[in-house]
C-alpha atoms as a PDB file:
ATOM      1  CA  MET A   1       1.282  14.325 -24.142  1.00  0.00           C
ATOM      2  CA  LYS A   2      -0.075  17.421 -22.467  1.00  0.00           C
ATOM      3  CA  ARG A   3       2.258  19.250 -20.131  1.00  0.00           C
ATOM      4  CA  LEU A   4       1.894  21.738 -17.314  1.00  0.00           C
ATOM      5  CA  ALA A   5      -0.709  23.951 -18.960  1.00  0.00           C
ATOM      6  CA  LEU A   6      -3.234  24.310 -16.140  1.00  0.00           C
ATOM      7  CA  ALA A   7      -1.932  27.551 -14.662  1.00  0.00           C
ATOM      8  CA  THR A   8      -3.856  30.001 -16.842  1.00  0.00           C
ATOM      9  CA  ALA A   9      -7.244  28.413 -16.245  1.00  0.00           C
ATOM     10  CA  LEU A  10      -6.820  27.983 -12.510  1.00  0.00           C
ATOM     11  CA  CYS A  11      -5.167  31.307 -11.807  1.00  0.00           C
ATOM     12  CA  CYS A  12      -7.570  33.321 -13.958  1.00  0.00           C
ATOM     13  CA  GLY A  13     -10.690  31.564 -12.704  1.00  0.00           C
ATOM     14  CA  ALA A  14     -13.081  29.115 -14.308  1.00  0.00           C
ATOM     15  CA  HIS A  15     -16.648  29.645 -15.453  1.00  0.00           C
ATOM     16  CA  TRP A  16     -19.003  28.233 -12.840  1.00  0.00           C
ATOM     17  CA  ALA A  17     -22.413  27.002 -13.872  1.00  0.00           C
ATOM     18  CA  VAL A  18     -25.171  24.807 -12.504  1.00  0.00           C
ATOM     19  CA  LEU A  19     -25.009  21.128 -13.429  1.00  0.00           C
ATOM     20  CA  PRO A  20     -28.005  20.250 -15.601  1.00  0.00           C
ATOM     21  CA  ALA A  21     -30.622  17.977 -14.090  1.00  0.00           C
ATOM     22  CA  PHE A  22     -30.587  14.280 -15.006  1.00  0.00           C
ATOM     23  CA  ALA A  23     -33.610  12.343 -16.068  1.00  0.00           C
ATOM     24  CA  ALA A  24     -32.388   9.143 -14.433  1.00  0.00           C
ATOM     25  CA  ASP A  25     -34.375   7.759 -11.504  1.00  0.00           C
ATOM     26  CA  THR A  26     -32.313   8.318  -8.342  1.00  0.00           C
ATOM     27  CA  SER A  27     -34.855   6.975  -5.858  1.00  0.00           C
ATOM     28  CA  GLY A  28     -32.852   3.835  -5.138  1.00  0.00           C
ATOM     29  CA  ASP A  29     -29.713   3.139  -3.116  1.00  0.00           C
ATOM     30  CA  VAL A  30     -27.487   5.859  -1.709  1.00  0.00           C
ATOM     31  CA  VAL A  31     -23.766   5.271  -2.265  1.00  0.00           C
ATOM     32  CA  LYS A  32     -21.747   6.525   0.711  1.00  0.00           C
ATOM     33  CA  ILE A  33     -18.391   7.860  -0.471  1.00  0.00           C
ATOM     34  CA  ALA A  34     -15.466   8.841   1.748  1.00  0.00           C
ATOM     35  CA  THR A  35     -13.274  11.572   0.323  1.00  0.00           C
ATOM     36  CA  SER A  36     -10.739  14.197   1.333  1.00  0.00           C
ATOM     37  CA  HIS A  37     -10.146  17.877   0.558  1.00  0.00           C
ATOM     38  CA  PHE A  38      -8.334  17.658  -2.777  1.00  0.00           C
ATOM     39  CA  PRO A  39      -9.170  20.820  -4.723  1.00  0.00           C
ATOM     40  CA  PRO A  40     -10.083  21.242  -7.547  1.00  0.00           C
ATOM     41  CA  TYR A  41     -11.203  17.590  -7.659  1.00  0.00           C
ATOM     42  CA  PHE A  42     -12.963  17.440  -4.271  1.00  0.00           C
ATOM     43  CA  ILE A  43     -13.618  20.611  -2.260  1.00  0.00           C
ATOM     44  CA  ASP A  44     -14.604  20.344   1.396  1.00  0.00           C
ATOM     45  CA  PRO A  45     -17.245  23.007   2.177  1.00  0.00           C
ATOM     46  CA  LYS A  46     -15.355  23.835   5.379  1.00  0.00           C
ATOM     47  CA  ASN A  47     -12.270  24.722   3.338  1.00  0.00           C
ATOM     48  CA  ALA A  48     -14.002  26.327   0.368  1.00  0.00           C
ATOM     49  CA  HIS A  49     -13.582  29.966  -0.639  1.00  0.00           C
ATOM     50  CA  SER A  50     -16.804  31.500  -1.895  1.00  0.00           C
ATOM     51  CA  GLU A  51     -17.075  34.824  -3.657  1.00  0.00           C
ATOM     52  CA  ALA A  52     -19.993  37.194  -4.097  1.00  0.00           C
ATOM     53  CA  ASN A  53     -20.424  36.226  -7.752  1.00  0.00           C
ATOM     54  CA  ARG A  54     -20.252  32.463  -7.345  1.00  0.00           C
ATOM     55  CA  SER A  55     -21.525  29.888  -4.892  1.00  0.00           C
ATOM     56  CA  TYR A  56     -19.746  26.882  -3.411  1.00  0.00           C
ATOM     57  CA  GLN A  57     -18.832  24.214  -5.943  1.00  0.00           C
ATOM     58  CA  PRO A  58     -17.980  20.700  -4.718  1.00  0.00           C
ATOM     59  CA  GLY A  59     -15.124  19.982  -7.119  1.00  0.00           C
ATOM     60  CA  PHE A  60     -14.742  18.497 -10.574  1.00  0.00           C
ATOM     61  CA  LEU A  61     -14.677  14.830  -9.572  1.00  0.00           C
ATOM     62  CA  GLN A  62     -17.341  15.079  -6.884  1.00  0.00           C
ATOM     63  CA  GLU A  63     -19.661  16.632  -9.469  1.00  0.00           C
ATOM     64  CA  GLY A  64     -18.525  14.073 -12.025  1.00  0.00           C
ATOM     65  CA  ILE A  65     -19.041  11.056  -9.758  1.00  0.00           C
ATOM     66  CA  GLU A  66     -22.436  12.371  -8.641  1.00  0.00           C
ATOM     67  CA  ALA A  67     -23.441  12.825 -12.287  1.00  0.00           C
ATOM     68  CA  VAL A  68     -22.254   9.354 -13.307  1.00  0.00           C
ATOM     69  CA  PHE A  69     -24.097   7.644 -10.450  1.00  0.00           C
ATOM     70  CA  ALA A  70     -27.199   9.693 -11.305  1.00  0.00           C
ATOM     71  CA  LEU A  71     -27.034   8.270 -14.822  1.00  0.00           C
ATOM     72  CA  ALA A  72     -26.890   4.821 -13.189  1.00  0.00           C
ATOM     73  CA  GLY A  73     -30.011   5.660 -11.138  1.00  0.00           C
ATOM     74  CA  MET A  74     -28.212   6.063  -7.803  1.00  0.00           C
ATOM     75  CA  LYS A  75     -27.757   8.874  -5.310  1.00  0.00           C
ATOM     76  CA  THR A  76     -24.487   9.712  -3.560  1.00  0.00           C
ATOM     77  CA  GLN A  77     -23.498  10.984  -0.141  1.00  0.00           C
ATOM     78  CA  PHE A  78     -19.956  12.344   0.390  1.00  0.00           C
ATOM     79  CA  GLN A  79     -18.137  12.581   3.725  1.00  0.00           C
ATOM     80  CA  TYR A  80     -14.881  14.565   3.989  1.00  0.00           C
ATOM     81  CA  LEU A  81     -12.160  12.974   6.117  1.00  0.00           C
ATOM     82  CA  PRO A  82      -8.358  12.857   6.264  1.00  0.00           C
ATOM     83  CA  LEU A  83      -7.306  10.602   3.390  1.00  0.00           C
ATOM     84  CA  ALA A  84      -5.760   7.842   5.532  1.00  0.00           C
ATOM     85  CA  ARG A  85      -8.867   7.658   7.741  1.00  0.00           C
ATOM     86  CA  ALA A  86     -11.145   7.612   4.702  1.00  0.00           C
ATOM     87  CA  GLU A  87      -9.181   4.699   3.272  1.00  0.00           C
ATOM     88  CA  ASN A  88      -9.456   2.761   6.540  1.00  0.00           C
ATOM     89  CA  PHE A  89     -13.206   3.369   6.863  1.00  0.00           C
ATOM     90  CA  VAL A  90     -13.815   2.026   3.357  1.00  0.00           C
ATOM     91  CA  GLN A  91     -11.676  -1.038   4.040  1.00  0.00           C
ATOM     92  CA  ILE A  92     -13.814  -1.929   7.084  1.00  0.00           C
ATOM     93  CA  GLY A  93     -17.089  -1.207   5.285  1.00  0.00           C
ATOM     94  CA  LYS A  94     -18.162   1.983   7.061  1.00  0.00           C
ATOM     95  CA  PHE A  95     -18.347   3.644   3.640  1.00  0.00           C
ATOM     96  CA  ASP A  96     -19.060   2.069   0.280  1.00  0.00           C
ATOM     97  CA  CYS A  97     -16.403   3.826  -1.799  1.00  0.00           C
ATOM     98  CA  ILE A  98     -13.445   6.186  -1.682  1.00  0.00           C
ATOM     99  CA  SER A  99     -11.985   8.735  -4.071  1.00  0.00           C
ATOM    100  CA  PRO A 100      -9.455  10.119  -4.905  1.00  0.00           C
ATOM    101  CA  VAL A 101      -7.389   6.966  -5.271  1.00  0.00           C
ATOM    102  CA  ARG A 102      -4.269   7.160  -7.438  1.00  0.00           C
ATOM    103  CA  ALA A 103      -2.866   3.644  -7.517  1.00  0.00           C
ATOM    104  CA  LYS A 104      -4.690   0.572  -8.760  1.00  0.00           C
ATOM    105  CA  PRO A 105      -2.859  -2.333  -7.105  1.00  0.00           C
ATOM    106  CA  THR A 106      -3.112  -5.744  -8.719  1.00  0.00           C
ATOM    107  CA  ASN A 107      -3.210  -7.605  -5.380  1.00  0.00           C
ATOM    108  CA  ASP A 108      -6.034  -5.679  -3.658  1.00  0.00           C
ATOM    109  CA  TYR A 109      -8.984  -8.048  -3.239  1.00  0.00           C
ATOM    110  CA  THR A 110     -10.921  -5.844  -0.795  1.00  0.00           C
ATOM    111  CA  LEU A 111     -11.622  -2.956  -3.156  1.00  0.00           C
ATOM    112  CA  SER A 112     -12.964  -2.893  -6.695  1.00  0.00           C
ATOM    113  CA  TYR A 113     -11.656  -0.091  -8.902  1.00  0.00           C
ATOM    114  CA  SER A 114     -13.482   1.982 -11.479  1.00  0.00           C
ATOM    115  CA  SER A 115     -12.309   2.765 -14.961  1.00  0.00           C
ATOM    116  CA  PRO A 116      -9.798   5.643 -14.866  1.00  0.00           C
ATOM    117  CA  LEU A 117     -11.010   9.164 -14.156  1.00  0.00           C
ATOM    118  CA  PRO A 118      -9.077  12.202 -15.428  1.00  0.00           C
ATOM    119  CA  GLY A 119      -6.169  13.455 -13.331  1.00  0.00           C
ATOM    120  CA  GLY A 120      -3.330  15.921 -13.669  1.00  0.00           C
ATOM    121  CA  PRO A 121       0.441  15.496 -13.666  1.00  0.00           C
ATOM    122  CA  VAL A 122       2.056  14.543 -10.360  1.00  0.00           C
ATOM    123  CA  VAL A 123       5.033  16.809  -9.738  1.00  0.00           C
ATOM    124  CA  LEU A 124       7.772  17.638  -7.308  1.00  0.00           C
ATOM    125  CA  MET A 125       7.167  21.134  -5.980  1.00  0.00           C
ATOM    126  CA  GLY A 126      10.201  22.953  -4.623  1.00  0.00           C
ATOM    127  CA  ARG A 127      11.149  26.423  -3.477  1.00  0.00           C
ATOM    128  CA  ALA A 128      11.564  28.939  -6.281  1.00  0.00           C
ATOM    129  CA  GLY A 129      15.124  29.511  -7.415  1.00  0.00           C
ATOM    130  CA  THR A 130      16.461  26.313  -5.879  1.00  0.00           C
ATOM    131  CA  GLY A 131      17.921  25.253  -9.204  1.00  0.00           C
ATOM    132  CA  HIS A 132      17.663  21.503  -8.623  1.00  0.00           C
ATOM    133  CA  ARG A 133      16.970  19.482 -11.760  1.00  0.00           C
ATOM    134  CA  ILE A 134      15.794  15.980 -10.984  1.00  0.00           C
ATOM    135  CA  THR A 135      16.492  13.661 -13.912  1.00  0.00           C
ATOM    136  CA  ARG A 136      16.523  10.347 -12.005  1.00  0.00           C
ATOM    137  CA  VAL A 137      14.368   9.073  -9.164  1.00  0.00           C
ATOM    138  CA  SER A 138      17.501   8.045  -7.287  1.00  0.00           C
ATOM    139  CA  GLN A 139      18.410  11.723  -6.918  1.00  0.00           C
ATOM    140  CA  LEU A 140      15.562  12.141  -4.442  1.00  0.00           C
ATOM    141  CA  GLU A 141      17.268   9.873  -1.919  1.00  0.00           C
ATOM    142  CA  ASN A 142      19.172  12.743  -0.326  1.00  0.00           C
ATOM    143  CA  TYR A 143      16.217  15.125  -0.025  1.00  0.00           C
ATOM    144  CA  HIS A 144      13.501  15.510   2.578  1.00  0.00           C
ATOM    145  CA  ILE A 145      10.225  14.808   0.721  1.00  0.00           C
ATOM    146  CA  GLY A 146       6.783  15.872   1.952  1.00  0.00           C
ATOM    147  CA  THR A 147       3.897  13.494   1.270  1.00  0.00           C
ATOM    148  CA  VAL A 148       0.280  13.079   2.396  1.00  0.00           C
ATOM    149  CA  LEU A 149      -0.822  10.179   4.594  1.00  0.00           C
ATOM    150  CA  GLY A 150      -2.773   7.679   2.518  1.00  0.00           C
ATOM    151  CA  ASP A 151      -1.723   9.143  -0.842  1.00  0.00           C
ATOM    152  CA  GLN A 152      -0.929   6.212  -3.106  1.00  0.00           C
ATOM    153  CA  ALA A 153       0.770   8.473  -5.637  1.00  0.00           C
ATOM    154  CA  VAL A 154       3.994   8.027  -3.696  1.00  0.00           C
ATOM    155  CA  THR A 155       3.960   4.238  -3.518  1.00  0.00           C
ATOM    156  CA  ALA A 156       2.871   4.039  -7.144  1.00  0.00           C
ATOM    157  CA  LEU A 157       5.869   6.079  -8.233  1.00  0.00           C
ATOM    158  CA  MET A 158       8.747   4.973  -6.090  1.00  0.00           C
ATOM    159  CA  ASN A 159       9.679   2.253  -3.635  1.00  0.00           C
ATOM    160  CA  ASP A 160      10.751   2.767  -0.034  1.00  0.00           C
ATOM    161  CA  THR A 161      14.436   2.183  -0.793  1.00  0.00           C
ATOM    162  CA  VAL A 162      14.459   5.451  -2.734  1.00  0.00           C
ATOM    163  CA  LEU A 163      12.203   7.606  -0.563  1.00  0.00           C
ATOM    164  CA  LYS A 164      13.924   6.990   2.753  1.00  0.00           C
ATOM    165  CA  ASN A 165      13.449  10.501   4.087  1.00  0.00           C
ATOM    166  CA  THR A 166       9.750  11.292   3.812  1.00  0.00           C
ATOM    167  CA  ASP A 167       7.541  13.395   6.051  1.00  0.00           C
ATOM    168  CA  ALA A 168       3.849  12.524   5.766  1.00  0.00           C
ATOM    169  CA  THR A 169       1.208  15.014   6.905  1.00  0.00           C
ATOM    170  CA  ARG A 170      -2.592  15.024   6.787  1.00  0.00           C
ATOM    171  CA  THR A 171      -2.995  17.605   4.011  1.00  0.00           C
ATOM    172  CA  ASN A 172      -1.302  19.175   1.010  1.00  0.00           C
ATOM    173  CA  SER A 173      -1.830  22.587   2.626  1.00  0.00           C
ATOM    174  CA  LEU A 174       0.404  21.639   5.545  1.00  0.00           C
ATOM    175  CA  ASN A 175       3.025  20.390   3.100  1.00  0.00           C
ATOM    176  CA  LEU A 176       3.061  23.698   1.205  1.00  0.00           C
ATOM    177  CA  GLN A 177       3.574  25.596   4.449  1.00  0.00           C
ATOM    178  CA  LYS A 178       6.408  23.291   5.501  1.00  0.00           C
ATOM    179  CA  LEU A 179       8.036  23.682   2.086  1.00  0.00           C
ATOM    180  CA  VAL A 180       7.998  27.485   2.228  1.00  0.00           C
ATOM    181  CA  ASN A 181       9.253  27.393   5.827  1.00  0.00           C
ATOM    182  CA  ARG A 182      12.211  25.193   4.745  1.00  0.00           C
ATOM    183  CA  ARG A 183      11.222  22.216   6.876  1.00  0.00           C
ATOM    184  CA  ILE A 184      11.242  19.950   3.800  1.00  0.00           C
ATOM    185  CA  ASP A 185      12.972  20.143   0.412  1.00  0.00           C
ATOM    186  CA  TYR A 186      10.163  19.064  -1.932  1.00  0.00           C
ATOM    187  CA  ILE A 187       6.579  17.911  -1.878  1.00  0.00           C
ATOM    188  CA  ILE A 188       4.888  15.381  -4.155  1.00  0.00           C
ATOM    189  CA  ILE A 189       1.582  16.838  -5.302  1.00  0.00           C
ATOM    190  CA  ASP A 190      -0.892  16.882  -8.166  1.00  0.00           C
ATOM    191  CA  TYR A 191      -0.100  20.023 -10.150  1.00  0.00           C
ATOM    192  CA  ALA A 192      -3.750  21.105 -10.388  1.00  0.00           C
ATOM    193  CA  VAL A 193      -4.079  20.733  -6.607  1.00  0.00           C
ATOM    194  CA  ALA A 194      -0.981  22.847  -6.023  1.00  0.00           C
ATOM    195  CA  LEU A 195      -2.255  25.617  -8.288  1.00  0.00           C
ATOM    196  CA  LYS A 196      -5.711  25.622  -6.710  1.00  0.00           C
ATOM    197  CA  LEU A 197      -4.328  25.767  -3.166  1.00  0.00           C
ATOM    198  CA  ILE A 198      -1.930  28.585  -4.037  1.00  0.00           C
ATOM    199  CA  THR A 199      -4.634  30.533  -5.877  1.00  0.00           C
ATOM    200  CA  ASP A 200      -7.255  30.223  -3.130  1.00  0.00           C
ATOM    201  CA  ASP A 201      -5.364  29.699   0.131  1.00  0.00           C
ATOM    202  CA  PHE A 202      -1.763  30.806  -0.283  1.00  0.00           C
ATOM    203  CA  PRO A 203      -1.475  33.585  -2.892  1.00  0.00           C
ATOM    204  CA  GLN A 204       1.578  34.818  -1.005  1.00  0.00           C
ATOM    205  CA  TYR A 205       3.354  31.596  -2.064  1.00  0.00           C
ATOM    206  CA  ALA A 206       2.941  32.222  -5.808  1.00  0.00           C
ATOM    207  CA  ASP A 207       6.519  33.455  -6.243  1.00  0.00           C
ATOM    208  CA  LYS A 208       8.007  31.217  -3.542  1.00  0.00           C
ATOM    209  CA  VAL A 209       7.385  27.732  -4.959  1.00  0.00           C
ATOM    210  CA  GLU A 210       7.658  26.153  -8.392  1.00  0.00           C
ATOM    211  CA  PRO A 211       7.293  22.705  -9.996  1.00  0.00           C
ATOM    212  CA  VAL A 212      10.341  20.707 -11.024  1.00  0.00           C
ATOM    213  CA  TYR A 213      10.260  19.678 -14.667  1.00  0.00           C
ATOM    214  CA  PRO A 214       9.634  17.025 -15.969  1.00  0.00           C
ATOM    215  CA  PRO A 215       6.608  15.783 -13.965  1.00  0.00           C
ATOM    216  CA  LEU A 216       7.087  12.622 -11.944  1.00  0.00           C
ATOM    217  CA  ALA A 217       4.133  10.969 -13.657  1.00  0.00           C
ATOM    218  CA  TYR A 218       0.788  11.358 -15.326  1.00  0.00           C
ATOM    219  CA  GLN A 219      -1.662   9.339 -13.235  1.00  0.00           C
ATOM    220  CA  SER A 220      -5.365   8.675 -13.457  1.00  0.00           C
ATOM    221  CA  ILE A 221      -7.674   8.935 -10.460  1.00  0.00           C
ATOM    222  CA  TYR A 222     -10.044   6.124  -9.465  1.00  0.00           C
ATOM    223  CA  LEU A 223     -13.181   5.479  -7.486  1.00  0.00           C
ATOM    224  CA  ALA A 224     -12.599   2.387  -5.330  1.00  0.00           C
ATOM    225  CA  CYS A 225     -15.459   0.518  -3.654  1.00  0.00           C
ATOM    226  CA  ASN A 226     -15.534  -2.144  -0.945  1.00  0.00           C
ATOM    227  CA  ALA A 227     -16.541  -5.262  -2.803  1.00  0.00           C
ATOM    228  CA  LYS A 228     -17.872  -6.986   0.341  1.00  0.00           C
ATOM    229  CA  THR A 229     -20.802  -4.722   1.259  1.00  0.00           C
ATOM    230  CA  SER A 230     -24.258  -5.583  -0.050  1.00  0.00           C
ATOM    231  CA  ILE A 231     -24.780  -2.346  -1.997  1.00  0.00           C
ATOM    232  CA  ASN A 232     -21.552  -2.883  -3.900  1.00  0.00           C
ATOM    233  CA  ARG A 233     -22.530  -5.990  -5.795  1.00  0.00           C
ATOM    234  CA  ASN A 234     -22.061  -4.909  -9.395  1.00  0.00           C
ATOM    235  CA  LEU A 235     -21.646  -1.306  -8.196  1.00  0.00           C
ATOM    236  CA  ILE A 236     -18.412  -0.709 -10.098  1.00  0.00           C
ATOM    237  CA  GLU A 237     -19.876  -2.295 -13.221  1.00  0.00           C
ATOM    238  CA  ARG A 238     -22.877   0.029 -13.026  1.00  0.00           C
ATOM    239  CA  PHE A 239     -20.610   3.013 -12.436  1.00  0.00           C
ATOM    240  CA  ASN A 240     -18.292   2.097 -15.312  1.00  0.00           C
ATOM    241  CA  ASP A 241     -21.197   1.641 -17.735  1.00  0.00           C
ATOM    242  CA  ALA A 242     -22.551   5.078 -16.814  1.00  0.00           C
ATOM    243  CA  LEU A 243     -19.042   6.569 -16.912  1.00  0.00           C
ATOM    244  CA  LYS A 244     -18.568   5.356 -20.479  1.00  0.00           C
ATOM    245  CA  HIS A 245     -21.807   7.064 -21.433  1.00  0.00           C
ATOM    246  CA  ALA A 246     -20.772  10.279 -19.643  1.00  0.00           C
ATOM    247  CA  GLN A 247     -17.479  10.275 -21.543  1.00  0.00           C
ATOM    248  CA  GLU A 248     -19.114   9.609 -24.897  1.00  0.00           C
ATOM    249  CA  ASN A 249     -21.733  12.352 -24.551  1.00  0.00           C
ATOM    250  CA  GLY A 250     -19.195  14.907 -23.300  1.00  0.00           C
ATOM    251  CA  LEU A 251     -20.663  15.302 -19.814  1.00  0.00           C
ATOM    252  CA  LEU A 252     -17.350  14.915 -17.972  1.00  0.00           C
ATOM    253  CA  ASN A 253     -15.628  17.295 -20.371  1.00  0.00           C
ATOM    254  CA  THR A 254     -18.345  19.881 -19.760  1.00  0.00           C
ATOM    255  CA  ILE A 255     -17.845  19.681 -16.000  1.00  0.00           C
ATOM    256  CA  ALA A 256     -14.047  19.780 -16.346  1.00  0.00           C
ATOM    257  CA  THR A 257     -14.230  22.877 -18.530  1.00  0.00           C
ATOM    258  CA  ARG A 258     -16.225  24.716 -15.884  1.00  0.00           C
ATOM    259  CA  TYR A 259     -13.364  24.102 -13.465  1.00  0.00           C
ATOM    260  CA  GLY A 260     -10.706  25.138 -15.971  1.00  0.00           C
ATOM    261  CA  LEU A 261      -9.382  21.589 -16.212  1.00  0.00           C
ATOM    262  CA  ASP A 262      -9.358  20.963 -19.947  1.00  0.00           C
ATOM    263  CA  ASP A 263      -5.823  19.518 -19.812  1.00  0.00           C
ATOM    264  CA  LEU A 264      -6.669  16.558 -17.587  1.00  0.00           C
ATOM    265  CA  SER A 265      -6.222  13.103 -19.068  1.00  0.00           C
ATOM    266  CA  THR A 266      -6.623   9.414 -18.260  1.00  0.00           C
ATOM    267  CA  GLU A 267      -3.279   8.765 -19.949  1.00  0.00           C
ATOM    268  CA  GLU A 268      -0.743   7.273 -17.548  1.00  0.00           C
ATOM    269  CA  ALA A 269       2.992   7.667 -18.034  1.00  0.00           C
ATOM    270  CA  THR A 270       6.260   8.157 -16.224  1.00  0.00           C
ATOM    271  CA  PRO A 271       8.955  10.093 -18.128  1.00  0.00           C
ATOM    272  CA  GLU A 272      11.804   7.888 -19.279  1.00  0.00           C
ATOM    273  CA  THR A 273      14.249  10.256 -17.571  1.00  0.00           C
ATOM    274  CA  LEU A 274      12.777   9.178 -14.227  1.00  0.00           C
ATOM    275  CA  GLN A 275      12.929   5.449 -14.843  1.00  0.00           C
END
């Protein structure tokens, strides 16, 4: 299983290139997708950092989802919102789909879920030099944990009897600031997201925060679509068929490499030490 090996690629920069054109006919339906700023997977243009030698890039999974739907002959339209609001809008049918989604609940009959998309390890991030070693989930009960509203990574990992003292905010950026300012003890965050935010937005935090080893989990990311809207009949099936093709021909790997995300995986696991 691959470990926390994303730092070099993200800190040293990835090679940015233009996505090749697809021959598929995209003159049909437009899939409206609600998303949230979740770099390097989804990058809101309003929060993006552009440099003289590279233009804005929308994020690994936004590019990937666009490419997969293009193979299926469909166009996409992304709207950036706070994650909890995006989730609500998809539930009521204002948008067709949402991503990123971490958990894939077995009792959700409103949304249909795609095959797994690559994601990074979910970690506890703490202040550097704290010295805490978390070997059991129950150890988190006495700490103040920062989470993001609407992030299913938390509910997928632990139940409410363990995480009694959580502080949910709208963004991972706010959580990082609260962590450094000692308003919370840890945050739960995708490791690739933490590295990207520190590299681009908070370089002054590089020596102030660190991940706790081992990771809490390795989780896939999903595209979830409202099964009740007319456009979504067989939408997930069409997406999954095109996704399989994109995985077999190396398209997703090519996009991931451009973002320095070669270590991502669809493997899901929780370390036995955290059971």
